[in-house]
Amino acid sequence: MDDKRVTLDDLASIVADRAAGGGPPSYTRSLIEKGVAKCAQKLGEEAVETALAAVAADTKAVVSESADLLYHLMVLLHARGIPLEDIYAELGRRTARSGIEEKTSRSTG
């Protein structure tokens, strides 16, 4: 079994490299060429599959579907031109206060 760990930063970089082309045809590039709507559709499908696996209490499927979900999130972010750093910054902002306080500020603002 390969123990290579891939971080979200690694995955974002892999997606960017594959989207840029120049190499053999890639699934990543084909998704991005189909546009943001197709990328969003795939992300939604993977989110549902992840949730269903969780409800079925199938740990192996949850892990597999979660990997698919994160991949498709990176593809969508790339297609929209949103760097992962922006997501990290938003998470940092949100975790600087309690979840209840953060949710309240979003619903009133």
Protein backbone atom coordinates (compact mmCIF):
# COMPACT_ATOMS: atom_id res chain seq x y z
CA MET A 1 0.00 0.00 0.00
CA ASP A 2 1.31 3.43 -0.95
CA ASP A 3 1.58 5.66 2.12
CA LYS A 4 2.13 8.88 0.16
CA ARG A 5 0.12 11.63 1.77
CA VAL A 6 -1.40 14.29 -0.44
CA THR A 7 -2.40 17.57 1.18
CA LEU A 8 -5.05 19.93 -0.12
CA ASP A 9 -2.21 22.18 -1.30
CA ASP A 10 -0.72 19.23 -3.21
CA LEU A 11 -4.11 18.41 -4.72
CA ALA A 12 -4.70 22.02 -5.78
CA SER A 13 -1.29 22.03 -7.45
CA ILE A 14 -1.97 18.74 -9.24
CA VAL A 15 -5.31 20.07 -10.49
CA ALA A 16 -3.66 23.29 -11.72
CA ASP A 17 -0.93 21.34 -13.53
CA ARG A 18 -3.40 19.02 -15.22
CA ALA A 19 -5.74 21.86 -16.12
CA ALA A 20 -2.89 23.72 -17.79
CA GLY A 21 -2.50 20.94 -20.32
CA GLY A 22 0.60 20.24 -22.27
CA GLY A 23 0.65 16.61 -21.21
CA PRO A 24 -1.57 13.69 -22.08
CA PRO A 25 -5.34 14.26 -22.03
CA SER A 26 -6.66 14.43 -18.48
CA TYR A 27 -10.03 14.08 -16.79
CA THR A 28 -9.29 17.28 -14.88
CA ARG A 29 -8.74 19.29 -18.05
CA SER A 30 -11.86 17.83 -19.68
CA LEU A 31 -13.99 18.83 -16.67
CA ILE A 32 -12.65 22.37 -16.61
CA GLU A 33 -13.17 22.71 -20.37
CA LYS A 34 -16.86 21.81 -19.83
CA GLY A 35 -17.22 24.83 -17.56
CA VAL A 36 -18.08 25.79 -14.02
CA ALA A 37 -21.62 24.35 -14.18
CA LYS A 38 -20.30 20.87 -14.99
CA CYS A 39 -17.66 21.14 -12.27
CA ALA A 40 -20.36 22.20 -9.79
CA GLN A 41 -22.59 19.31 -10.87
CA LYS A 42 -19.80 16.81 -10.26
CA LEU A 43 -19.06 18.36 -6.85
CA GLY A 44 -22.73 18.04 -5.90
CA GLU A 45 -22.86 14.41 -6.99
CA GLU A 46 -19.80 13.59 -4.89
CA ALA A 47 -21.23 15.42 -1.88
CA VAL A 48 -24.40 13.32 -2.07
CA GLU A 49 -22.40 10.11 -2.50
CA THR A 50 -20.27 11.01 0.53
CA ALA A 51 -23.33 11.71 2.65
CA LEU A 52 -25.00 8.46 1.57
CA ALA A 53 -21.87 6.47 2.41
CA ALA A 54 -21.77 8.10 5.85
CA VAL A 55 -25.41 7.23 6.55
CA ALA A 56 -24.78 3.66 5.41
CA ALA A 57 -21.94 3.51 7.96
CA ASP A 58 -19.54 2.34 5.25
CA THR A 59 -16.22 3.75 6.41
CA LYS A 60 -14.26 2.61 3.37
CA ALA A 61 -16.83 4.24 1.06
CA VAL A 62 -16.80 7.45 3.14
CA VAL A 63 -13.03 7.67 2.75
CA SER A 64 -13.21 6.99 -0.99
CA GLU A 65 -16.09 9.39 -1.62
CA SER A 66 -14.45 12.07 0.54
CA ALA A 67 -11.35 11.87 -1.64
CA ASP A 68 -13.57 12.29 -4.72
CA LEU A 69 -15.36 15.20 -3.04
CA LEU A 70 -12.13 17.02 -2.22
CA TYR A 71 -10.80 16.45 -5.74
CA HIS A 72 -13.95 17.88 -7.31
CA LEU A 73 -13.87 20.83 -4.89
CA MET A 74 -10.31 21.61 -6.03
CA VAL A 75 -11.42 21.37 -9.67
CA LEU A 76 -14.33 23.74 -9.05
CA LEU A 77 -12.15 26.22 -7.19
CA HIS A 78 -9.63 26.14 -10.03
CA ALA A 79 -12.38 26.60 -12.63
CA ARG A 80 -13.61 29.66 -10.71
CA GLY A 81 -10.11 31.03 -10.21
CA ILE A 82 -10.34 30.85 -6.43
CA PRO A 83 -7.04 30.03 -4.76
CA LEU A 84 -7.03 27.60 -1.85
CA GLU A 85 -5.39 30.37 0.20
CA ASP A 86 -8.70 32.26 0.09
CA ILE A 87 -10.44 29.26 1.66
CA TYR A 88 -7.74 28.97 4.32
CA ALA A 89 -8.13 32.69 5.10
CA GLU A 90 -11.90 32.33 5.44
CA LEU A 91 -11.50 29.32 7.72
CA GLY A 92 -9.03 31.30 9.81
CA ARG A 93 -11.45 34.19 10.08
CA ARG A 94 -14.30 31.88 11.08
CA THR A 95 -12.33 29.91 13.65
CA ALA A 96 -11.17 33.09 15.36
CA ARG A 97 -14.53 33.14 17.17
CA SER A 98 -17.12 30.66 18.35
CA GLY A 99 -19.25 28.82 15.81
CA ILE A 100 -22.44 30.23 17.30
CA GLU A 101 -21.11 33.79 17.10
CA GLU A 102 -19.91 33.23 13.53
CA LYS A 103 -23.26 31.77 12.36
CA THR A 104 -25.18 34.61 14.01
CA SER A 105 -23.06 37.20 12.19
CA ARG A 106 -23.75 35.53 8.82
CA SER A 107 -27.52 35.42 9.34
CA THR A 108 -27.77 39.09 10.33
CA GLY A 109 -25.26 40.55 7.94
